[in-house]
Amino acid sequence: MPSLKVKTKGVIALVALSFVYSIVALIPRYLSASFELFQQIYLRVFLGFIFATIFFRKNINFNKIITSPLKDLGLIFLRATSYYLLGVALWTQALLLTKISNVALIGAIPMTAILGWIILKERFTWQKASLVLLAFLGTLIISIKKLTMTGNFVLGKGELLIFASTFFLALGKISRKWESKRLNDKEASVVLLFFSALLLFLASLFKGEGLPIITWHLGTLLVLVIAGLSNVAIAFLVSYGFARVKAVLANNIIQLDIPLSILLAFIFYQELPVFRELIGGGIIVTSVILMNRLEKKSPL
């Protein structure tokens, strides 16, 4: 089991991850004016791979990567498929269809915690389960677009896409724990970004998007660079944080991106959550705080 010091570093990494997530949520709309869906994603991820290779070069042993067991490389390939090809693609499409605040809040569905219990067999308690349900209730309140007289509710297409993406993103995160320790976090991040860029490029060609031939300008290049750097941070922080912190606690920590995402959406796109969304967000934040307090009292 991780020591307190190691766990604390993992928690810090996940807090940083939540801030990066909130910034990344602004990027797809800007790039959608120049690129197709998979084009903008593979460009962002490929730049992330280039930057990661440069920044982490002193900590990367390419011979060790090439000679890694097929099981380890296969697991990273599956993580790339789940997290980027499916999860990020659905998440990006949702950002183009609905409010950023809705995407952030529906993404708060505690799927990582649920998979942590089901797949990783992490310690289950009814107190934790109640807090997960509390977060889910807050998310449901936010995601309802229309409530009929018969009690039925309607979710928009963007909301449904982000709901589906939560499963693939969560699976991509927790599957980090299945890998051996042969590759360090930086090596694993570089391999993940390489596989992801390749898969997304092939998906783009299969969809018939063609090559990203546009009139390039400074704004597009700058946003792509920021996106590439963000992908480096996300790949590393996910690998580092989820390898050291229980999935249930990790799930709650990264929900801290919600208030910042709402703030940035208002600043850049003048999107304001309605009263119902604020109530749901308050419920989710309450769940985050209570879950963290509960985890501090439990054994490592």
C-alpha atoms as a PDB file:
ATOM      1  CA  MET A   1       0.000   0.000   0.000  1.00  0.00           C
ATOM      2  CA  PRO A   2       1.285   3.537  -0.729  1.00  0.00           C
ATOM      3  CA  SER A   3       2.782   5.501   2.148  1.00  0.00           C
ATOM      4  CA  LEU A   4       1.177   8.736   3.320  1.00  0.00           C
ATOM      5  CA  LYS A   5       3.845  10.814   1.558  1.00  0.00           C
ATOM      6  CA  VAL A   6       3.374   8.953  -1.718  1.00  0.00           C
ATOM      7  CA  LYS A   7      -0.409   9.207  -1.448  1.00  0.00           C
ATOM      8  CA  THR A   8      -0.168  12.951  -0.776  1.00  0.00           C
ATOM      9  CA  LYS A   9       1.860  13.436  -3.962  1.00  0.00           C
ATOM     10  CA  GLY A  10      -0.768  11.468  -5.848  1.00  0.00           C
ATOM     11  CA  VAL A  11      -3.512  13.695  -4.453  1.00  0.00           C
ATOM     12  CA  ILE A  12      -1.581  16.833  -5.496  1.00  0.00           C
ATOM     13  CA  ALA A  13      -1.192  15.390  -9.005  1.00  0.00           C
ATOM     14  CA  LEU A  14      -4.947  14.803  -9.234  1.00  0.00           C
ATOM     15  CA  VAL A  15      -5.736  18.327  -8.031  1.00  0.00           C
ATOM     16  CA  ALA A  16      -3.443  19.644 -10.775  1.00  0.00           C
ATOM     17  CA  LEU A  17      -5.214  17.325 -13.223  1.00  0.00           C
ATOM     18  CA  SER A  18      -8.565  18.902 -12.357  1.00  0.00           C
ATOM     19  CA  PHE A  19      -7.203  22.359 -13.246  1.00  0.00           C
ATOM     20  CA  VAL A  20      -5.832  21.112 -16.582  1.00  0.00           C
ATOM     21  CA  TYR A  21      -9.192  19.498 -17.412  1.00  0.00           C
ATOM     22  CA  SER A  22     -11.017  22.793 -16.901  1.00  0.00           C
ATOM     23  CA  ILE A  23      -8.666  24.612 -19.282  1.00  0.00           C
ATOM     24  CA  VAL A  24      -8.784  21.874 -21.930  1.00  0.00           C
ATOM     25  CA  ALA A  25     -12.590  22.151 -22.032  1.00  0.00           C
ATOM     26  CA  LEU A  26     -12.247  25.531 -23.751  1.00  0.00           C
ATOM     27  CA  ILE A  27     -10.121  24.284 -26.644  1.00  0.00           C
ATOM     28  CA  PRO A  28     -12.407  22.092 -28.842  1.00  0.00           C
ATOM     29  CA  ARG A  29     -14.819  24.900 -29.729  1.00  0.00           C
ATOM     30  CA  TYR A  30     -12.030  27.140 -30.942  1.00  0.00           C
ATOM     31  CA  LEU A  31     -10.397  24.406 -33.024  1.00  0.00           C
ATOM     32  CA  SER A  32     -13.722  23.195 -34.447  1.00  0.00           C
ATOM     33  CA  ALA A  33     -13.705  26.198 -36.802  1.00  0.00           C
ATOM     34  CA  SER A  34     -10.578  24.823 -38.503  1.00  0.00           C
ATOM     35  CA  PHE A  35     -10.620  21.050 -38.016  1.00  0.00           C
ATOM     36  CA  GLU A  36     -12.922  18.049 -38.064  1.00  0.00           C
ATOM     37  CA  LEU A  37     -13.555  16.146 -34.830  1.00  0.00           C
ATOM     38  CA  PHE A  38     -10.831  13.488 -35.022  1.00  0.00           C
ATOM     39  CA  GLN A  39      -8.426  15.844 -36.804  1.00  0.00           C
ATOM     40  CA  GLN A  40      -8.274  18.275 -33.915  1.00  0.00           C
ATOM     41  CA  ILE A  41      -7.959  15.484 -31.366  1.00  0.00           C
ATOM     42  CA  TYR A  42      -5.089  13.641 -33.056  1.00  0.00           C
ATOM     43  CA  LEU A  43      -3.250  16.910 -33.697  1.00  0.00           C
ATOM     44  CA  ARG A  44      -3.539  17.790 -30.012  1.00  0.00           C
ATOM     45  CA  VAL A  45      -2.433  14.331 -28.917  1.00  0.00           C
ATOM     46  CA  PHE A  46       0.411  14.107 -31.455  1.00  0.00           C
ATOM     47  CA  LEU A  47       1.810  17.427 -30.263  1.00  0.00           C
ATOM     48  CA  GLY A  48       1.459  16.077 -26.748  1.00  0.00           C
ATOM     49  CA  PHE A  49       3.553  13.066 -27.763  1.00  0.00           C
ATOM     50  CA  ILE A  50       6.250  15.318 -29.265  1.00  0.00           C
ATOM     51  CA  PHE A  51       6.368  17.561 -26.205  1.00  0.00           C
ATOM     52  CA  ALA A  52       6.385  14.600 -23.821  1.00  0.00           C
ATOM     53  CA  THR A  53       9.282  13.005 -25.693  1.00  0.00           C
ATOM     54  CA  ILE A  54      11.240  16.255 -25.440  1.00  0.00           C
ATOM     55  CA  PHE A  55      10.421  17.091 -21.828  1.00  0.00           C
ATOM     56  CA  PHE A  56      10.826  13.564 -20.481  1.00  0.00           C
ATOM     57  CA  ARG A  57      13.767  12.453 -22.661  1.00  0.00           C
ATOM     58  CA  LYS A  58      16.112  12.066 -19.673  1.00  0.00           C
ATOM     59  CA  ASN A  59      13.629   9.730 -18.003  1.00  0.00           C
ATOM     60  CA  ILE A  60      12.772   7.658 -21.059  1.00  0.00           C
ATOM     61  CA  ASN A  61      14.559   4.460 -22.019  1.00  0.00           C
ATOM     62  CA  PHE A  62      13.304   3.657 -25.513  1.00  0.00           C
ATOM     63  CA  ASN A  63      15.052   0.291 -25.532  1.00  0.00           C
ATOM     64  CA  LYS A  64      13.109  -0.637 -22.387  1.00  0.00           C
ATOM     65  CA  ILE A  65       9.886   0.450 -24.055  1.00  0.00           C
ATOM     66  CA  ILE A  66      10.536  -1.555 -27.220  1.00  0.00           C
ATOM     67  CA  THR A  67      11.455  -4.685 -25.249  1.00  0.00           C
ATOM     68  CA  SER A  68       8.528  -4.378 -22.828  1.00  0.00           C
ATOM     69  CA  PRO A  69       6.267  -7.432 -22.495  1.00  0.00           C
ATOM     70  CA  LEU A  70       3.357  -7.483 -24.915  1.00  0.00           C
ATOM     71  CA  LYS A  71       1.039  -7.544 -21.918  1.00  0.00           C
ATOM     72  CA  ASP A  72       2.219  -4.123 -20.739  1.00  0.00           C
ATOM     73  CA  LEU A  73       2.135  -2.588 -24.215  1.00  0.00           C
ATOM     74  CA  GLY A  74      -1.240  -4.197 -24.842  1.00  0.00           C
ATOM     75  CA  LEU A  75      -2.662  -2.679 -21.671  1.00  0.00           C
ATOM     76  CA  ILE A  76      -1.423   0.770 -22.678  1.00  0.00           C
ATOM     77  CA  PHE A  77      -2.937   0.237 -26.130  1.00  0.00           C
ATOM     78  CA  LEU A  78      -6.263  -0.618 -24.493  1.00  0.00           C
ATOM     79  CA  ARG A  79      -5.965   2.486 -22.296  1.00  0.00           C
ATOM     80  CA  ALA A  80      -5.386   4.577 -25.420  1.00  0.00           C
ATOM     81  CA  THR A  81      -8.452   3.036 -27.061  1.00  0.00           C
ATOM     82  CA  SER A  82     -10.693   3.536 -24.056  1.00  0.00           C
ATOM     83  CA  TYR A  83      -9.473   6.932 -22.887  1.00  0.00           C
ATOM     84  CA  TYR A  84      -8.675   8.811 -26.103  1.00  0.00           C
ATOM     85  CA  LEU A  85     -10.305   7.044 -29.053  1.00  0.00           C
ATOM     86  CA  LEU A  86     -13.643   6.588 -27.268  1.00  0.00           C
ATOM     87  CA  GLY A  87     -13.712   8.711 -24.128  1.00  0.00           C
ATOM     88  CA  VAL A  88     -12.044  11.893 -25.380  1.00  0.00           C
ATOM     89  CA  ALA A  89     -13.785  11.704 -28.770  1.00  0.00           C
ATOM     90  CA  LEU A  90     -17.222  11.523 -27.140  1.00  0.00           C
ATOM     91  CA  TRP A  91     -16.238  14.218 -24.632  1.00  0.00           C
ATOM     92  CA  THR A  92     -15.029  16.542 -27.410  1.00  0.00           C
ATOM     93  CA  GLN A  93     -18.185  16.062 -29.458  1.00  0.00           C
ATOM     94  CA  ALA A  94     -20.280  16.802 -26.375  1.00  0.00           C
ATOM     95  CA  LEU A  95     -18.422  20.087 -25.843  1.00  0.00           C
ATOM     96  CA  LEU A  96     -19.459  21.130 -29.347  1.00  0.00           C
ATOM     97  CA  LEU A  97     -23.129  20.390 -28.658  1.00  0.00           C
ATOM     98  CA  THR A  98     -23.859  21.596 -25.144  1.00  0.00           C
ATOM     99  CA  LYS A  99     -22.715  23.993 -22.416  1.00  0.00           C
ATOM    100  CA  ILE A 100     -19.245  23.522 -20.977  1.00  0.00           C
ATOM    101  CA  SER A 101     -20.681  23.642 -17.475  1.00  0.00           C
ATOM    102  CA  ASN A 102     -23.069  20.776 -18.307  1.00  0.00           C
ATOM    103  CA  VAL A 103     -20.212  18.703 -19.699  1.00  0.00           C
ATOM    104  CA  ALA A 104     -18.149  19.294 -16.560  1.00  0.00           C
ATOM    105  CA  LEU A 105     -21.019  18.507 -14.239  1.00  0.00           C
ATOM    106  CA  ILE A 106     -22.325  15.421 -16.035  1.00  0.00           C
ATOM    107  CA  GLY A 107     -18.732  14.244 -16.200  1.00  0.00           C
ATOM    108  CA  ALA A 108     -18.843  14.265 -12.408  1.00  0.00           C
ATOM    109  CA  ILE A 109     -20.824  11.026 -12.448  1.00  0.00           C
ATOM    110  CA  PRO A 110     -18.676   8.886 -10.108  1.00  0.00           C
ATOM    111  CA  MET A 111     -17.878   6.237 -12.701  1.00  0.00           C
ATOM    112  CA  THR A 112     -14.269   5.919 -11.550  1.00  0.00           C
ATOM    113  CA  ALA A 113     -15.427   5.164  -8.020  1.00  0.00           C
ATOM    114  CA  ILE A 114     -17.957   2.622  -9.260  1.00  0.00           C
ATOM    115  CA  LEU A 115     -15.379   0.835 -11.429  1.00  0.00           C
ATOM    116  CA  GLY A 116     -12.948   0.992  -8.517  1.00  0.00           C
ATOM    117  CA  TRP A 117     -15.358  -1.070  -6.449  1.00  0.00           C
ATOM    118  CA  ILE A 118     -16.445  -3.437  -9.228  1.00  0.00           C
ATOM    119  CA  ILE A 119     -13.172  -4.032 -11.089  1.00  0.00           C
ATOM    120  CA  LEU A 120     -10.401  -3.157  -8.642  1.00  0.00           C
ATOM    121  CA  LYS A 121     -12.232  -4.554  -5.603  1.00  0.00           C
ATOM    122  CA  GLU A 122     -11.476  -1.466  -3.562  1.00  0.00           C
ATOM    123  CA  ARG A 123     -12.970  -1.249  -0.078  1.00  0.00           C
ATOM    124  CA  PHE A 124     -16.709  -0.643  -0.221  1.00  0.00           C
ATOM    125  CA  THR A 125     -18.663   1.062   2.554  1.00  0.00           C
ATOM    126  CA  TRP A 126     -22.236   2.272   2.609  1.00  0.00           C
ATOM    127  CA  GLN A 127     -21.012   5.729   3.652  1.00  0.00           C
ATOM    128  CA  LYS A 128     -18.928   5.998   0.487  1.00  0.00           C
ATOM    129  CA  ALA A 129     -21.752   4.582  -1.597  1.00  0.00           C
ATOM    130  CA  SER A 130     -24.155   7.202  -0.216  1.00  0.00           C
ATOM    131  CA  LEU A 131     -21.739   9.992  -1.128  1.00  0.00           C
ATOM    132  CA  VAL A 132     -21.337   8.597  -4.638  1.00  0.00           C
ATOM    133  CA  LEU A 133     -25.130   8.534  -4.970  1.00  0.00           C
ATOM    134  CA  LEU A 134     -25.235  12.095  -3.666  1.00  0.00           C
ATOM    135  CA  ALA A 135     -22.835  13.176  -6.421  1.00  0.00           C
ATOM    136  CA  PHE A 136     -24.931  11.278  -8.973  1.00  0.00           C
ATOM    137  CA  LEU A 137     -28.071  13.077  -7.745  1.00  0.00           C
ATOM    138  CA  GLY A 138     -26.366  16.437  -8.210  1.00  0.00           C
ATOM    139  CA  THR A 139     -25.343  15.454 -11.717  1.00  0.00           C
ATOM    140  CA  LEU A 140     -28.873  14.318 -12.559  1.00  0.00           C
ATOM    141  CA  ILE A 141     -30.321  17.616 -11.377  1.00  0.00           C
ATOM    142  CA  ILE A 142     -27.925  19.486 -13.663  1.00  0.00           C
ATOM    143  CA  SER A 143     -28.358  17.307 -16.736  1.00  0.00           C
ATOM    144  CA  ILE A 144     -32.153  17.401 -16.914  1.00  0.00           C
ATOM    145  CA  LYS A 145     -33.117  19.631 -19.821  1.00  0.00           C
ATOM    146  CA  LYS A 146     -36.860  19.116 -19.729  1.00  0.00           C
ATOM    147  CA  LEU A 147     -39.244  17.690 -17.134  1.00  0.00           C
ATOM    148  CA  THR A 148     -42.712  16.605 -18.296  1.00  0.00           C
ATOM    149  CA  MET A 149     -45.925  16.587 -16.307  1.00  0.00           C
ATOM    150  CA  THR A 150     -45.732  12.791 -16.097  1.00  0.00           C
ATOM    151  CA  GLY A 151     -42.366  12.944 -14.351  1.00  0.00           C
ATOM    152  CA  ASN A 152     -40.268  11.932 -17.356  1.00  0.00           C
ATOM    153  CA  PHE A 153     -37.149  13.914 -18.172  1.00  0.00           C
ATOM    154  CA  VAL A 154     -35.275  14.575 -21.397  1.00  0.00           C
ATOM    155  CA  LEU A 155     -31.516  14.693 -21.903  1.00  0.00           C
ATOM    156  CA  GLY A 156     -29.951  16.421 -24.880  1.00  0.00           C
ATOM    157  CA  LYS A 157     -27.618  14.694 -27.350  1.00  0.00           C
ATOM    158  CA  GLY A 158     -24.558  16.381 -25.871  1.00  0.00           C
ATOM    159  CA  GLU A 159     -25.558  15.275 -22.379  1.00  0.00           C
ATOM    160  CA  LEU A 160     -25.978  11.678 -23.538  1.00  0.00           C
ATOM    161  CA  LEU A 161     -22.567  11.709 -25.219  1.00  0.00           C
ATOM    162  CA  ILE A 162     -20.796  12.990 -22.120  1.00  0.00           C
ATOM    163  CA  PHE A 163     -22.623  10.384 -20.049  1.00  0.00           C
ATOM    164  CA  ALA A 164     -21.270   7.643 -22.320  1.00  0.00           C
ATOM    165  CA  SER A 165     -17.779   9.128 -22.261  1.00  0.00           C
ATOM    166  CA  THR A 166     -17.575   8.882 -18.463  1.00  0.00           C
ATOM    167  CA  PHE A 167     -17.333   5.086 -18.661  1.00  0.00           C
ATOM    168  CA  PHE A 168     -14.503   5.015 -21.207  1.00  0.00           C
ATOM    169  CA  LEU A 169     -12.574   7.824 -19.516  1.00  0.00           C
ATOM    170  CA  ALA A 170     -12.887   6.111 -16.129  1.00  0.00           C
ATOM    171  CA  LEU A 171     -11.815   2.749 -17.542  1.00  0.00           C
ATOM    172  CA  GLY A 172      -8.799   4.389 -19.178  1.00  0.00           C
ATOM    173  CA  LYS A 173      -7.797   5.920 -15.841  1.00  0.00           C
ATOM    174  CA  ILE A 174      -8.155   2.951 -13.508  1.00  0.00           C
ATOM    175  CA  SER A 175      -6.603   0.459 -15.950  1.00  0.00           C
ATOM    176  CA  ARG A 176      -3.283   2.166 -15.178  1.00  0.00           C
ATOM    177  CA  LYS A 177      -3.233   0.010 -12.042  1.00  0.00           C
ATOM    178  CA  TRP A 178      -3.100  -3.196 -14.127  1.00  0.00           C
ATOM    179  CA  GLU A 179       0.237  -2.306 -15.702  1.00  0.00           C
ATOM    180  CA  SER A 180       3.490  -3.531 -14.207  1.00  0.00           C
ATOM    181  CA  LYS A 181       6.134  -1.137 -12.898  1.00  0.00           C
ATOM    182  CA  ARG A 182       8.551  -1.901 -15.737  1.00  0.00           C
ATOM    183  CA  LEU A 183       7.795   1.463 -17.369  1.00  0.00           C
ATOM    184  CA  ASN A 184       7.919   4.581 -15.226  1.00  0.00           C
ATOM    185  CA  ASP A 185       5.093   7.149 -15.364  1.00  0.00           C
ATOM    186  CA  LYS A 186       6.804   9.264 -18.013  1.00  0.00           C
ATOM    187  CA  GLU A 187       7.572   6.300 -20.269  1.00  0.00           C
ATOM    188  CA  ALA A 188       4.010   5.035 -19.914  1.00  0.00           C
ATOM    189  CA  SER A 189       2.701   8.522 -20.758  1.00  0.00           C
ATOM    190  CA  VAL A 190       4.770   8.750 -23.949  1.00  0.00           C
ATOM    191  CA  VAL A 191       3.638   5.310 -25.122  1.00  0.00           C
ATOM    192  CA  LEU A 192       0.023   6.168 -24.309  1.00  0.00           C
ATOM    193  CA  LEU A 193       0.167   9.381 -26.349  1.00  0.00           C
ATOM    194  CA  PHE A 194       1.835   7.608 -29.286  1.00  0.00           C
ATOM    195  CA  PHE A 195      -0.780   4.841 -29.444  1.00  0.00           C
ATOM    196  CA  SER A 196      -3.580   7.387 -28.987  1.00  0.00           C
ATOM    197  CA  ALA A 197      -2.373   9.670 -31.783  1.00  0.00           C
ATOM    198  CA  LEU A 198      -2.055   6.682 -34.123  1.00  0.00           C
ATOM    199  CA  LEU A 199      -5.537   5.364 -33.312  1.00  0.00           C
ATOM    200  CA  LEU A 200      -7.131   8.786 -33.691  1.00  0.00           C
ATOM    201  CA  PHE A 201      -5.365   9.404 -37.010  1.00  0.00           C
ATOM    202  CA  LEU A 202      -6.630   6.085 -38.370  1.00  0.00           C
ATOM    203  CA  ALA A 203     -10.133   6.867 -37.092  1.00  0.00           C
ATOM    204  CA  SER A 204      -9.984  10.235 -38.881  1.00  0.00           C
ATOM    205  CA  LEU A 205      -9.004   8.597 -42.161  1.00  0.00           C
ATOM    206  CA  PHE A 206     -11.665   5.905 -41.742  1.00  0.00           C
ATOM    207  CA  LYS A 207     -14.292   8.609 -41.162  1.00  0.00           C
ATOM    208  CA  GLY A 208     -13.176  10.350 -44.353  1.00  0.00           C
ATOM    209  CA  GLU A 209     -12.024  13.581 -42.741  1.00  0.00           C
ATOM    210  CA  GLY A 210      -8.920  13.781 -44.917  1.00  0.00           C
ATOM    211  CA  LEU A 211      -5.770  15.660 -43.993  1.00  0.00           C
ATOM    212  CA  PRO A 212      -5.961  18.934 -42.014  1.00  0.00           C
ATOM    213  CA  ILE A 213      -5.206  21.263 -44.916  1.00  0.00           C
ATOM    214  CA  ILE A 214      -6.337  24.730 -43.792  1.00  0.00           C
ATOM    215  CA  THR A 215      -5.128  28.310 -43.752  1.00  0.00           C
ATOM    216  CA  TRP A 216      -2.958  28.171 -40.677  1.00  0.00           C
ATOM    217  CA  HIS A 217      -2.671  31.264 -38.496  1.00  0.00           C
ATOM    218  CA  LEU A 218      -1.006  32.215 -35.230  1.00  0.00           C
ATOM    219  CA  GLY A 219      -4.112  31.713 -33.085  1.00  0.00           C
ATOM    220  CA  THR A 220      -4.613  28.131 -34.301  1.00  0.00           C
ATOM    221  CA  LEU A 221      -0.967  27.252 -33.763  1.00  0.00           C
ATOM    222  CA  LEU A 222      -0.955  28.767 -30.278  1.00  0.00           C
ATOM    223  CA  VAL A 223      -4.087  26.883 -29.191  1.00  0.00           C
ATOM    224  CA  LEU A 224      -2.704  23.630 -30.613  1.00  0.00           C
ATOM    225  CA  VAL A 225       0.526  24.137 -28.650  1.00  0.00           C
ATOM    226  CA  ILE A 226      -1.449  24.750 -25.462  1.00  0.00           C
ATOM    227  CA  ALA A 227      -3.534  21.655 -26.217  1.00  0.00           C
ATOM    228  CA  GLY A 228      -0.395  19.589 -26.813  1.00  0.00           C
ATOM    229  CA  LEU A 229       1.144  20.702 -23.532  1.00  0.00           C
ATOM    230  CA  SER A 230      -2.133  19.958 -21.768  1.00  0.00           C
ATOM    231  CA  ASN A 231      -2.127  16.420 -23.151  1.00  0.00           C
ATOM    232  CA  VAL A 232       1.374  15.898 -21.741  1.00  0.00           C
ATOM    233  CA  ALA A 233       0.158  17.061 -18.349  1.00  0.00           C
ATOM    234  CA  ILE A 234      -2.998  14.923 -18.479  1.00  0.00           C
ATOM    235  CA  ALA A 235      -1.211  11.748 -19.580  1.00  0.00           C
ATOM    236  CA  PHE A 236       1.438  12.112 -16.868  1.00  0.00           C
ATOM    237  CA  LEU A 237      -0.884  13.228 -14.067  1.00  0.00           C
ATOM    238  CA  VAL A 238      -3.386  10.434 -14.772  1.00  0.00           C
ATOM    239  CA  SER A 239      -0.596   7.837 -14.754  1.00  0.00           C
ATOM    240  CA  TYR A 240       1.005   9.301 -11.629  1.00  0.00           C
ATOM    241  CA  GLY A 241      -2.126  10.089  -9.640  1.00  0.00           C
ATOM    242  CA  PHE A 242      -4.200   6.985 -10.320  1.00  0.00           C
ATOM    243  CA  ALA A 243      -1.215   4.726  -9.628  1.00  0.00           C
ATOM    244  CA  ARG A 244      -0.986   6.139  -6.077  1.00  0.00           C
ATOM    245  CA  VAL A 245      -4.515   7.051  -4.992  1.00  0.00           C
ATOM    246  CA  LYS A 246      -7.586   4.856  -4.577  1.00  0.00           C
ATOM    247  CA  ALA A 247     -10.021   5.208  -7.463  1.00  0.00           C
ATOM    248  CA  VAL A 248     -12.861   6.342  -5.188  1.00  0.00           C
ATOM    249  CA  LEU A 249     -10.876   9.228  -3.697  1.00  0.00           C
ATOM    250  CA  ALA A 250      -9.321  10.072  -7.069  1.00  0.00           C
ATOM    251  CA  ASN A 251     -12.778  10.310  -8.631  1.00  0.00           C
ATOM    252  CA  ASN A 252     -13.827  12.942  -6.111  1.00  0.00           C
ATOM    253  CA  ILE A 253     -10.639  14.989  -6.278  1.00  0.00           C
ATOM    254  CA  ILE A 254     -10.795  15.537 -10.028  1.00  0.00           C
ATOM    255  CA  GLN A 255     -14.348  16.871  -9.714  1.00  0.00           C
ATOM    256  CA  LEU A 256     -12.717  20.070  -8.486  1.00  0.00           C
ATOM    257  CA  ASP A 257     -12.550  21.079 -12.147  1.00  0.00           C
ATOM    258  CA  ILE A 258     -16.283  21.831 -12.016  1.00  0.00           C
ATOM    259  CA  PRO A 259     -16.271  25.319 -10.455  1.00  0.00           C
ATOM    260  CA  LEU A 260     -13.273  26.423 -12.530  1.00  0.00           C
ATOM    261  CA  SER A 261     -14.863  25.109 -15.750  1.00  0.00           C
ATOM    262  CA  ILE A 262     -18.021  27.073 -15.001  1.00  0.00           C
ATOM    263  CA  LEU A 263     -15.990  30.212 -14.336  1.00  0.00           C
ATOM    264  CA  LEU A 264     -13.935  29.888 -17.531  1.00  0.00           C
ATOM    265  CA  ALA A 265     -17.051  29.111 -19.604  1.00  0.00           C
ATOM    266  CA  PHE A 266     -18.579  32.366 -18.370  1.00  0.00           C
ATOM    267  CA  ILE A 267     -15.426  34.385 -19.049  1.00  0.00           C
ATOM    268  CA  PHE A 268     -14.804  33.065 -22.576  1.00  0.00           C
ATOM    269  CA  TYR A 269     -18.289  32.057 -23.812  1.00  0.00           C
ATOM    270  CA  GLN A 270     -20.656  34.008 -21.525  1.00  0.00           C
ATOM    271  CA  GLU A 271     -22.272  30.750 -20.399  1.00  0.00           C
ATOM    272  CA  LEU A 272     -23.977  30.994 -17.041  1.00  0.00           C
ATOM    273  CA  PRO A 273     -25.423  27.962 -15.246  1.00  0.00           C
ATOM    274  CA  VAL A 274     -29.067  28.308 -14.259  1.00  0.00           C
ATOM    275  CA  PHE A 275     -30.212  28.031 -10.645  1.00  0.00           C
ATOM    276  CA  ARG A 276     -30.947  24.301 -11.000  1.00  0.00           C
ATOM    277  CA  GLU A 277     -27.399  23.675 -12.241  1.00  0.00           C
ATOM    278  CA  LEU A 278     -25.952  25.627  -9.330  1.00  0.00           C
ATOM    279  CA  ILE A 279     -27.936  23.508  -6.878  1.00  0.00           C
ATOM    280  CA  GLY A 280     -26.681  20.323  -8.519  1.00  0.00           C
ATOM    281  CA  GLY A 281     -23.127  21.634  -8.506  1.00  0.00           C
ATOM    282  CA  GLY A 282     -23.387  22.456  -4.810  1.00  0.00           C
ATOM    283  CA  ILE A 283     -24.496  18.893  -4.099  1.00  0.00           C
ATOM    284  CA  ILE A 284     -21.542  17.481  -6.028  1.00  0.00           C
ATOM    285  CA  VAL A 285     -19.004  19.728  -4.299  1.00  0.00           C
ATOM    286  CA  THR A 286     -20.481  18.690  -0.943  1.00  0.00           C
ATOM    287  CA  SER A 287     -19.981  15.065  -1.918  1.00  0.00           C
ATOM    288  CA  VAL A 288     -16.346  15.771  -2.849  1.00  0.00           C
ATOM    289  CA  ILE A 289     -15.606  17.400   0.509  1.00  0.00           C
ATOM    290  CA  LEU A 290     -17.313  14.675   2.560  1.00  0.00           C
ATOM    291  CA  MET A 291     -15.666  11.857   0.596  1.00  0.00           C
ATOM    292  CA  ASN A 292     -12.224  13.376   1.123  1.00  0.00           C
ATOM    293  CA  ARG A 293     -12.853  13.669   4.857  1.00  0.00           C
ATOM    294  CA  LEU A 294     -14.015  10.072   4.981  1.00  0.00           C
ATOM    295  CA  GLU A 295     -10.959   8.843   3.087  1.00  0.00           C
ATOM    296  CA  LYS A 296      -8.624  10.632   5.503  1.00  0.00           C
ATOM    297  CA  LYS A 297     -10.101   8.576   8.329  1.00  0.00           C
ATOM    298  CA  SER A 298      -9.779   5.254   6.509  1.00  0.00           C
ATOM    299  CA  PRO A 299      -6.576   3.170   6.392  1.00  0.00           C
ATOM    300  CA  LEU A 300      -4.297   3.605   3.393  1.00  0.00           C
END
